[in-house]
Amino acid sequence: MAKEQMVKCRFCKKEILKSKAYQNGLKTYYCNKECYEHQQNKDKYKPTKVKIDGSNNPRRKMTDYIMELYVNAGYDKHDIPWELITSQIKNFKDRDKTVTDGGIQYTLWYLLEIEGKNLFNEEEFNGSIINLVPTNYIKAKQYCEEMIKLKKEIEDFQFEDKVVTIHKSFDNIKKRKDLTFD
């Protein structure tokens, strides 16, 4: 009796029987169609970490932050609805040309850290945390501008080294001996 050959799923790396594997193309095996589709989605969108000029790619930074939010909320990184998220970002940026990837990331940070919102609240979540961005983008931008202004004012503040003498009189205390905390 011949031993059946084992193959590895390209997506989850589990060993499976070759006869039971979902095959796509030559020598490309998956546990099932779901693993195949996850791999296709994974391969489809992979922005680079740096641009051609060597600067950081803000889109990659934003998507990494979104993935971190989903993973921290208990999602598997392969179950994140990237098609929905990226289409919502594209639609939002098409409607308002001033929207940036960094602004979207900052808005999500603002909602989570400053306002203390649950980004995965079922009422507002509706499949993607990007649903919260359009309604809060301007508020987060104003907060950012205020913080930048405050930081600049603090940096520009000059302390004056002056000696100030304060004279305190105890005359009023002696007159009010009848006052107590009791």
Protein backbone atom coordinates (compact mmCIF):
# COMPACT_ATOMS: atom_id res chain seq x y z
CA MET A 1 0.00 0.00 0.00
CA ALA A 2 1.49 3.32 -1.09
CA LYS A 3 1.66 6.19 1.35
CA GLU A 4 -0.22 9.23 0.10
CA GLN A 5 1.87 12.32 -0.51
CA MET A 6 1.55 15.28 1.88
CA VAL A 7 1.62 18.91 0.69
CA LYS A 8 1.69 22.23 2.52
CA CYS A 9 -1.06 24.83 2.28
CA ARG A 10 0.45 27.92 0.76
CA PHE A 11 -1.59 30.18 3.03
CA CYS A 12 -1.72 28.61 6.51
CA LYS A 13 1.24 26.22 6.09
CA LYS A 14 -0.70 23.17 7.38
CA GLU A 15 0.26 19.80 5.97
CA ILE A 16 -2.60 18.15 4.11
CA LEU A 17 -3.11 15.12 1.91
CA LYS A 18 -2.45 15.94 -1.72
CA SER A 19 -5.68 14.24 -2.81
CA LYS A 20 -7.75 16.40 -0.40
CA ALA A 21 -5.97 19.68 -1.17
CA TYR A 22 -7.53 22.52 -3.12
CA GLN A 23 -5.21 22.94 -6.09
CA ASN A 24 -4.77 26.03 -8.18
CA GLY A 25 -2.16 25.88 -10.89
CA LEU A 26 0.84 23.64 -10.81
CA LYS A 27 2.22 22.74 -7.40
CA THR A 28 0.09 25.32 -5.60
CA TYR A 29 -2.00 23.74 -2.87
CA TYR A 30 -4.38 25.10 -0.25
CA CYS A 31 -6.44 23.53 2.56
CA ASN A 32 -9.66 24.78 0.97
CA LYS A 33 -11.08 27.53 -1.21
CA GLU A 34 -11.18 29.93 1.75
CA CYS A 35 -7.39 29.68 2.24
CA TYR A 36 -6.96 30.25 -1.50
CA GLU A 37 -9.09 33.41 -1.40
CA HIS A 38 -7.25 34.71 1.67
CA GLN A 39 -3.93 34.22 -0.15
CA GLN A 40 -5.27 36.06 -3.21
CA ASN A 41 -6.36 39.02 -1.06
CA LYS A 42 -3.02 38.99 0.74
CA ASP A 43 -1.06 39.01 -2.52
CA LYS A 44 -3.28 41.66 -4.09
CA TYR A 45 -2.47 44.52 -1.73
CA LYS A 46 1.01 44.94 -0.36
CA PRO A 47 2.20 48.56 -0.45
CA THR A 48 5.90 49.13 -0.03
CA LYS A 49 7.30 50.54 3.22
CA VAL A 50 9.35 53.23 1.47
CA LYS A 51 8.81 55.33 -1.61
CA ILE A 52 11.24 55.46 -4.52
CA ASP A 53 12.83 58.62 -3.09
CA GLY A 54 13.55 56.79 0.20
CA SER A 55 10.91 58.53 2.33
CA ASN A 56 8.38 56.54 4.36
CA ASN A 57 5.20 55.53 2.57
CA PRO A 58 2.29 57.10 4.49
CA ARG A 59 -0.19 54.63 2.97
CA ARG A 60 1.77 51.66 4.31
CA LYS A 61 2.07 53.35 7.70
CA MET A 62 -1.71 53.88 7.75
CA THR A 63 -2.55 50.31 6.69
CA ASP A 64 -0.10 48.90 9.26
CA TYR A 65 -1.86 50.98 11.94
CA ILE A 66 -5.30 49.78 10.78
CA MET A 67 -4.07 46.19 10.87
CA GLU A 68 -2.71 46.74 14.39
CA LEU A 69 -6.12 48.06 15.51
CA TYR A 70 -7.92 45.04 14.07
CA VAL A 71 -5.42 42.56 15.56
CA ASN A 72 -5.67 44.25 18.98
CA ALA A 73 -9.46 43.92 18.73
CA GLY A 74 -9.11 40.15 18.28
CA TYR A 75 -9.31 39.80 14.50
CA ASP A 76 -7.01 37.50 12.58
CA LYS A 77 -4.91 39.64 10.26
CA HIS A 78 -6.09 37.56 7.31
CA ASP A 79 -9.75 38.27 8.11
CA ILE A 80 -9.45 42.05 7.88
CA PRO A 81 -11.81 43.29 5.12
CA TRP A 82 -9.13 45.09 3.07
CA GLU A 83 -11.32 45.40 -0.04
CA LEU A 84 -13.97 47.26 1.94
CA ILE A 85 -11.44 49.39 3.83
CA THR A 86 -9.45 50.44 0.76
CA SER A 87 -12.58 51.22 -1.26
CA GLN A 88 -13.94 53.37 1.60
CA ILE A 89 -10.62 55.23 1.82
CA LYS A 90 -10.60 55.78 -1.94
CA ASN A 91 -14.20 57.07 -1.91
CA PHE A 92 -13.49 59.38 1.03
CA LYS A 93 -10.35 60.75 -0.65
CA ASP A 94 -12.21 61.20 -3.96
CA ARG A 95 -14.95 63.24 -2.23
CA ASP A 96 -12.47 65.43 -0.34
CA LYS A 97 -9.12 66.02 -2.04
CA THR A 98 -7.58 67.45 1.15
CA VAL A 99 -7.77 64.08 2.95
CA THR A 100 -4.42 62.37 3.45
CA ASP A 101 -3.40 58.89 4.56
CA GLY A 102 -1.68 60.42 7.59
CA GLY A 103 -4.87 62.33 8.37
CA ILE A 104 -6.92 59.15 8.30
CA GLN A 105 -4.43 57.43 10.60
CA TYR A 106 -4.41 60.44 12.95
CA THR A 107 -8.23 60.48 13.02
CA LEU A 108 -8.34 56.82 14.05
CA TRP A 109 -5.70 57.51 16.73
CA TYR A 110 -7.66 60.56 17.92
CA LEU A 111 -10.91 58.60 18.21
CA LEU A 112 -9.23 55.79 20.13
CA GLU A 113 -6.80 57.69 22.39
CA ILE A 114 -8.36 61.13 22.90
CA GLU A 115 -12.10 60.47 22.68
CA GLY A 116 -11.81 56.93 24.04
CA LYS A 117 -14.22 55.50 21.46
CA ASN A 118 -14.65 51.80 20.83
CA LEU A 119 -13.82 51.69 17.12
CA PHE A 120 -15.46 48.29 16.80
CA ASN A 121 -18.82 49.33 18.28
CA GLU A 122 -21.48 47.41 16.32
CA GLU A 123 -23.69 50.47 15.66
CA GLU A 124 -20.98 52.58 14.00
CA PHE A 125 -18.55 49.84 12.93
CA ASN A 126 -20.67 48.28 10.17
CA GLY A 127 -17.82 46.11 8.87
CA SER A 128 -15.04 48.70 8.85
CA ILE A 129 -13.53 51.27 11.20
CA ILE A 130 -13.16 53.66 8.26
CA ASN A 131 -16.90 54.44 8.63
CA LEU A 132 -15.97 56.64 11.61
CA VAL A 133 -13.36 58.72 9.78
CA PRO A 134 -15.43 61.07 7.56
CA THR A 135 -17.57 62.38 10.42
CA ASN A 136 -14.60 62.93 12.74
CA TYR A 137 -11.84 63.97 10.34
CA ILE A 138 -12.29 67.75 10.78
CA LYS A 139 -12.60 67.48 14.57
CA ALA A 140 -9.34 65.46 14.71
CA LYS A 141 -7.64 67.94 12.37
CA GLN A 142 -8.66 70.88 14.61
CA TYR A 143 -7.35 69.03 17.67
CA CYS A 144 -4.05 68.38 15.89
CA GLU A 145 -3.72 72.04 14.89
CA GLU A 146 -4.45 73.14 18.48
CA MET A 147 -1.80 70.77 19.84
CA ILE A 148 0.78 71.99 17.31
CA LYS A 149 -0.02 75.61 18.25
CA LEU A 150 0.22 74.80 21.97
CA LYS A 151 3.52 72.99 21.49
CA LYS A 152 4.91 75.99 19.60
CA GLU A 153 3.75 78.37 22.33
CA ILE A 154 5.43 76.22 24.98
CA GLU A 155 8.67 76.11 22.99
CA ASP A 156 8.59 79.89 22.46
CA PHE A 157 7.78 80.69 26.10
CA GLN A 158 10.57 82.61 27.83
CA PHE A 159 10.96 82.43 31.57
CA GLU A 160 11.98 85.59 33.37
CA ASP A 161 14.42 85.21 36.24
CA LYS A 162 13.03 87.77 38.67
CA VAL A 163 12.90 87.56 42.40
CA VAL A 164 9.45 88.26 43.73
CA THR A 165 8.84 88.85 47.43
CA ILE A 166 5.44 88.03 48.86
CA HIS A 167 4.44 89.58 52.16
CA LYS A 168 1.84 87.62 54.06
CA SER A 169 -0.08 89.07 56.95
CA PHE A 170 -1.48 86.88 59.71
CA ASP A 171 -3.75 89.58 61.14
CA ASN A 172 -6.91 88.14 59.57
CA ILE A 173 -6.22 84.67 61.01
CA LYS A 174 -5.96 85.95 64.58
CA LYS A 175 -9.34 87.69 64.33
CA ARG A 176 -11.15 84.51 63.14
CA LYS A 177 -10.26 82.06 65.90
CA ASP A 178 -13.85 80.83 66.10
CA LEU A 179 -13.69 79.17 62.61
CA THR A 180 -12.93 75.46 62.56
CA PHE A 181 -13.63 72.39 60.39
CA ASP A 182 -15.98 70.91 63.01
